[in-house]
Amino acid sequence: MRNLRKLAILAIGLGVSSMSLAYWTSISLESERENGMYYRICNYQTLDGYRFSIQVKGFCPISVRVDPETGQYQK
């Protein structure tokens, strides 16, 4: 039981520390264009000028969160 508790605390700590290393910022849709029958290219830009593009099936989200260092995004 004691080892299970230590393992759970370690897992939670690692999860929190990895999330704190990322610099997530909100980014707004600037423009979009069709790319085939079902796909769209969504272009985003932050207020400080960082640009980011993704391809989606369907409609572009109005805003996403992005980590400029890694290029990862969350819808």
N, C-alpha and C. Protein backbone atom coordinates (compact mmCIF):
# COMPACT_ATOMS: atom_id res chain seq x y z
N MET A 1 0.83 -1.20 0.00
CA MET A 1 0.00 0.00 0.00
C MET A 1 0.87 1.25 0.00
N ARG A 2 1.93 1.21 0.79
CA ARG A 2 2.82 2.36 0.89
C ARG A 2 3.52 2.63 -0.44
N ASN A 3 3.95 1.55 -1.14
CA ASN A 3 4.61 1.70 -2.43
C ASN A 3 3.65 2.24 -3.48
N LEU A 4 2.41 1.81 -3.43
CA LEU A 4 1.40 2.30 -4.36
C LEU A 4 1.17 3.80 -4.18
N ARG A 5 1.15 4.25 -2.95
CA ARG A 5 0.97 5.68 -2.66
C ARG A 5 2.15 6.49 -3.19
N LYS A 6 3.36 5.97 -3.00
CA LYS A 6 4.56 6.66 -3.50
C LYS A 6 4.54 6.73 -5.02
N LEU A 7 4.12 5.64 -5.65
CA LEU A 7 4.05 5.61 -7.10
C LEU A 7 3.02 6.61 -7.63
N ALA A 8 1.88 6.71 -6.96
CA ALA A 8 0.84 7.66 -7.38
C ALA A 8 1.34 9.09 -7.24
N ILE A 9 2.02 9.39 -6.14
CA ILE A 9 2.56 10.75 -5.93
C ILE A 9 3.61 11.07 -6.98
N LEU A 10 4.46 10.10 -7.32
CA LEU A 10 5.47 10.31 -8.36
C LEU A 10 4.82 10.59 -9.71
N ALA A 11 3.79 9.81 -10.06
CA ALA A 11 3.11 9.99 -11.34
C ALA A 11 2.45 11.36 -11.42
N ILE A 12 1.81 11.78 -10.35
CA ILE A 12 1.17 13.11 -10.34
C ILE A 12 2.22 14.20 -10.45
N GLY A 13 3.32 14.06 -9.74
CA GLY A 13 4.39 15.05 -9.80
C GLY A 13 4.99 15.17 -11.17
N LEU A 14 5.23 14.05 -11.83
CA LEU A 14 5.78 14.08 -13.18
C LEU A 14 4.81 14.72 -14.16
N GLY A 15 3.53 14.42 -14.01
CA GLY A 15 2.53 15.01 -14.89
C GLY A 15 2.45 16.51 -14.74
N VAL A 16 2.45 16.99 -13.52
CA VAL A 16 2.38 18.42 -13.26
C VAL A 16 3.65 19.12 -13.74
N SER A 17 4.81 18.52 -13.52
CA SER A 17 6.06 19.17 -13.92
C SER A 17 6.19 19.24 -15.43
N SER A 18 5.72 18.23 -16.16
CA SER A 18 5.80 18.28 -17.62
C SER A 18 4.84 19.32 -18.18
N MET A 19 3.70 19.51 -17.53
CA MET A 19 2.75 20.53 -17.99
C MET A 19 3.28 21.92 -17.70
N SER A 20 4.02 22.09 -16.62
CA SER A 20 4.50 23.41 -16.26
C SER A 20 5.65 23.86 -17.15
N LEU A 21 6.34 22.94 -17.82
CA LEU A 21 7.44 23.30 -18.69
C LEU A 21 6.96 23.91 -20.01
N ALA A 22 5.77 23.57 -20.43
CA ALA A 22 5.23 24.09 -21.68
C ALA A 22 4.72 25.51 -21.49
N TYR A 23 4.87 26.32 -22.53
CA TYR A 23 4.38 27.69 -22.51
C TYR A 23 3.20 27.77 -23.46
N TRP A 24 2.02 27.44 -22.98
CA TRP A 24 0.82 27.42 -23.80
C TRP A 24 0.24 28.83 -23.88
N THR A 25 -0.10 29.24 -25.09
CA THR A 25 -0.71 30.54 -25.30
C THR A 25 -1.89 30.39 -26.25
N SER A 26 -2.87 31.23 -26.08
CA SER A 26 -4.05 31.20 -26.94
C SER A 26 -3.73 31.91 -28.25
N ILE A 27 -4.22 31.37 -29.34
CA ILE A 27 -3.92 31.93 -30.66
C ILE A 27 -5.23 31.98 -31.46
N SER A 28 -5.47 33.08 -32.16
CA SER A 28 -6.74 33.31 -32.85
C SER A 28 -6.64 33.05 -34.35
N LEU A 29 -7.75 32.61 -34.91
CA LEU A 29 -7.84 32.34 -36.35
C LEU A 29 -7.68 33.64 -37.12
N GLU A 30 -6.74 33.65 -38.07
CA GLU A 30 -6.51 34.83 -38.90
C GLU A 30 -7.16 34.67 -40.27
N SER A 31 -6.99 33.49 -40.88
CA SER A 31 -7.59 33.22 -42.18
C SER A 31 -7.70 31.72 -42.38
N GLU A 32 -8.47 31.33 -43.38
CA GLU A 32 -8.62 29.93 -43.72
C GLU A 32 -8.86 29.78 -45.20
N ARG A 33 -8.50 28.61 -45.73
CA ARG A 33 -8.75 28.36 -47.15
C ARG A 33 -9.00 26.87 -47.34
N GLU A 34 -9.72 26.54 -48.40
CA GLU A 34 -10.04 25.15 -48.69
C GLU A 34 -8.80 24.44 -49.20
N ASN A 35 -8.70 23.16 -48.86
CA ASN A 35 -7.59 22.33 -49.31
C ASN A 35 -8.15 20.95 -49.63
N GLY A 36 -8.82 20.86 -50.74
CA GLY A 36 -9.50 19.62 -51.10
C GLY A 36 -10.97 19.69 -50.76
N MET A 37 -11.63 18.58 -50.90
CA MET A 37 -13.07 18.57 -50.73
C MET A 37 -13.51 18.77 -49.28
N TYR A 38 -12.83 18.14 -48.32
CA TYR A 38 -13.28 18.19 -46.92
C TYR A 38 -12.32 18.93 -45.99
N TYR A 39 -11.14 19.26 -46.47
CA TYR A 39 -10.10 19.81 -45.59
C TYR A 39 -9.93 21.31 -45.76
N ARG A 40 -9.44 21.95 -44.69
CA ARG A 40 -9.17 23.38 -44.70
C ARG A 40 -7.80 23.62 -44.07
N ILE A 41 -7.11 24.65 -44.56
CA ILE A 41 -5.88 25.12 -43.94
C ILE A 41 -6.27 26.31 -43.06
N CYS A 42 -5.97 26.22 -41.77
CA CYS A 42 -6.32 27.26 -40.80
C CYS A 42 -5.05 27.99 -40.41
N ASN A 43 -5.02 29.30 -40.60
CA ASN A 43 -3.86 30.12 -40.26
C ASN A 43 -4.18 30.94 -39.02
N TYR A 44 -3.31 30.84 -38.01
CA TYR A 44 -3.50 31.52 -36.74
C TYR A 44 -2.36 32.48 -36.49
N GLN A 45 -2.62 33.51 -35.68
CA GLN A 45 -1.58 34.47 -35.33
C GLN A 45 -1.86 35.02 -33.93
N THR A 46 -0.79 35.12 -33.12
CA THR A 46 -0.92 35.71 -31.79
C THR A 46 -0.78 37.22 -31.90
N LEU A 47 -1.07 37.91 -30.80
CA LEU A 47 -0.94 39.37 -30.78
C LEU A 47 0.51 39.82 -30.95
N ASP A 48 1.47 38.98 -30.52
CA ASP A 48 2.87 39.37 -30.67
C ASP A 48 3.49 38.90 -31.98
N GLY A 49 2.67 38.33 -32.90
CA GLY A 49 3.14 38.03 -34.25
C GLY A 49 3.50 36.59 -34.55
N TYR A 50 3.41 35.67 -33.60
CA TYR A 50 3.71 34.27 -33.87
C TYR A 50 2.63 33.69 -34.77
N ARG A 51 3.04 33.03 -35.86
CA ARG A 51 2.10 32.45 -36.82
C ARG A 51 2.15 30.93 -36.74
N PHE A 52 0.99 30.31 -36.98
CA PHE A 52 0.85 28.87 -36.86
C PHE A 52 -0.25 28.42 -37.80
N SER A 53 -0.03 27.32 -38.54
CA SER A 53 -1.04 26.79 -39.46
C SER A 53 -1.27 25.31 -39.19
N ILE A 54 -2.54 24.89 -39.36
CA ILE A 54 -2.89 23.47 -39.25
C ILE A 54 -3.86 23.12 -40.35
N GLN A 55 -3.94 21.84 -40.67
CA GLN A 55 -4.94 21.35 -41.61
C GLN A 55 -5.97 20.57 -40.81
N VAL A 56 -7.24 20.88 -41.02
CA VAL A 56 -8.32 20.19 -40.31
C VAL A 56 -9.36 19.69 -41.30
N LYS A 57 -10.11 18.69 -40.85
CA LYS A 57 -11.24 18.20 -41.63
C LYS A 57 -12.47 18.90 -41.06
N GLY A 58 -13.19 19.61 -41.90
CA GLY A 58 -14.36 20.36 -41.43
C GLY A 58 -14.04 21.83 -41.27
N PHE A 59 -14.48 22.40 -40.17
CA PHE A 59 -14.32 23.82 -39.93
C PHE A 59 -13.13 24.12 -39.03
N CYS A 60 -12.53 25.28 -39.22
CA CYS A 60 -11.40 25.72 -38.39
C CYS A 60 -11.90 26.20 -37.03
N PRO A 61 -11.24 25.77 -35.95
CA PRO A 61 -11.58 26.33 -34.64
C PRO A 61 -11.25 27.82 -34.60
N ILE A 62 -12.06 28.61 -33.92
CA ILE A 62 -11.82 30.06 -33.85
C ILE A 62 -10.53 30.36 -33.11
N SER A 63 -10.21 29.57 -32.10
CA SER A 63 -8.94 29.75 -31.40
C SER A 63 -8.44 28.40 -30.93
N VAL A 64 -7.13 28.27 -30.78
CA VAL A 64 -6.49 27.08 -30.25
C VAL A 64 -5.42 27.53 -29.27
N ARG A 65 -4.91 26.58 -28.49
CA ARG A 65 -3.78 26.87 -27.61
C ARG A 65 -2.56 26.21 -28.24
N VAL A 66 -1.44 26.93 -28.24
CA VAL A 66 -0.23 26.42 -28.89
C VAL A 66 0.98 26.66 -27.99
N ASP A 67 1.95 25.75 -28.05
CA ASP A 67 3.24 25.92 -27.40
C ASP A 67 4.22 26.32 -28.49
N PRO A 68 4.62 27.59 -28.58
CA PRO A 68 5.48 28.05 -29.66
C PRO A 68 6.83 27.33 -29.73
N GLU A 69 7.33 26.83 -28.62
CA GLU A 69 8.62 26.15 -28.62
C GLU A 69 8.56 24.79 -29.32
N THR A 70 7.48 24.06 -29.13
CA THR A 70 7.38 22.71 -29.69
C THR A 70 6.46 22.63 -30.90
N GLY A 71 5.59 23.63 -31.08
CA GLY A 71 4.62 23.60 -32.18
C GLY A 71 3.41 22.73 -31.90
N GLN A 72 3.30 22.18 -30.69
CA GLN A 72 2.14 21.39 -30.32
C GLN A 72 0.95 22.32 -30.10
N TYR A 73 -0.25 21.79 -30.42
CA TYR A 73 -1.45 22.59 -30.21
C TYR A 73 -2.55 21.76 -29.60
N GLN A 74 -3.50 22.45 -29.01
CA GLN A 74 -4.70 21.85 -28.42
C GLN A 74 -5.91 22.59 -28.95
N LYS A 75 -6.91 21.86 -29.36
CA LYS A 75 -8.14 22.49 -29.84
C LYS A 75 -8.98 22.92 -28.68
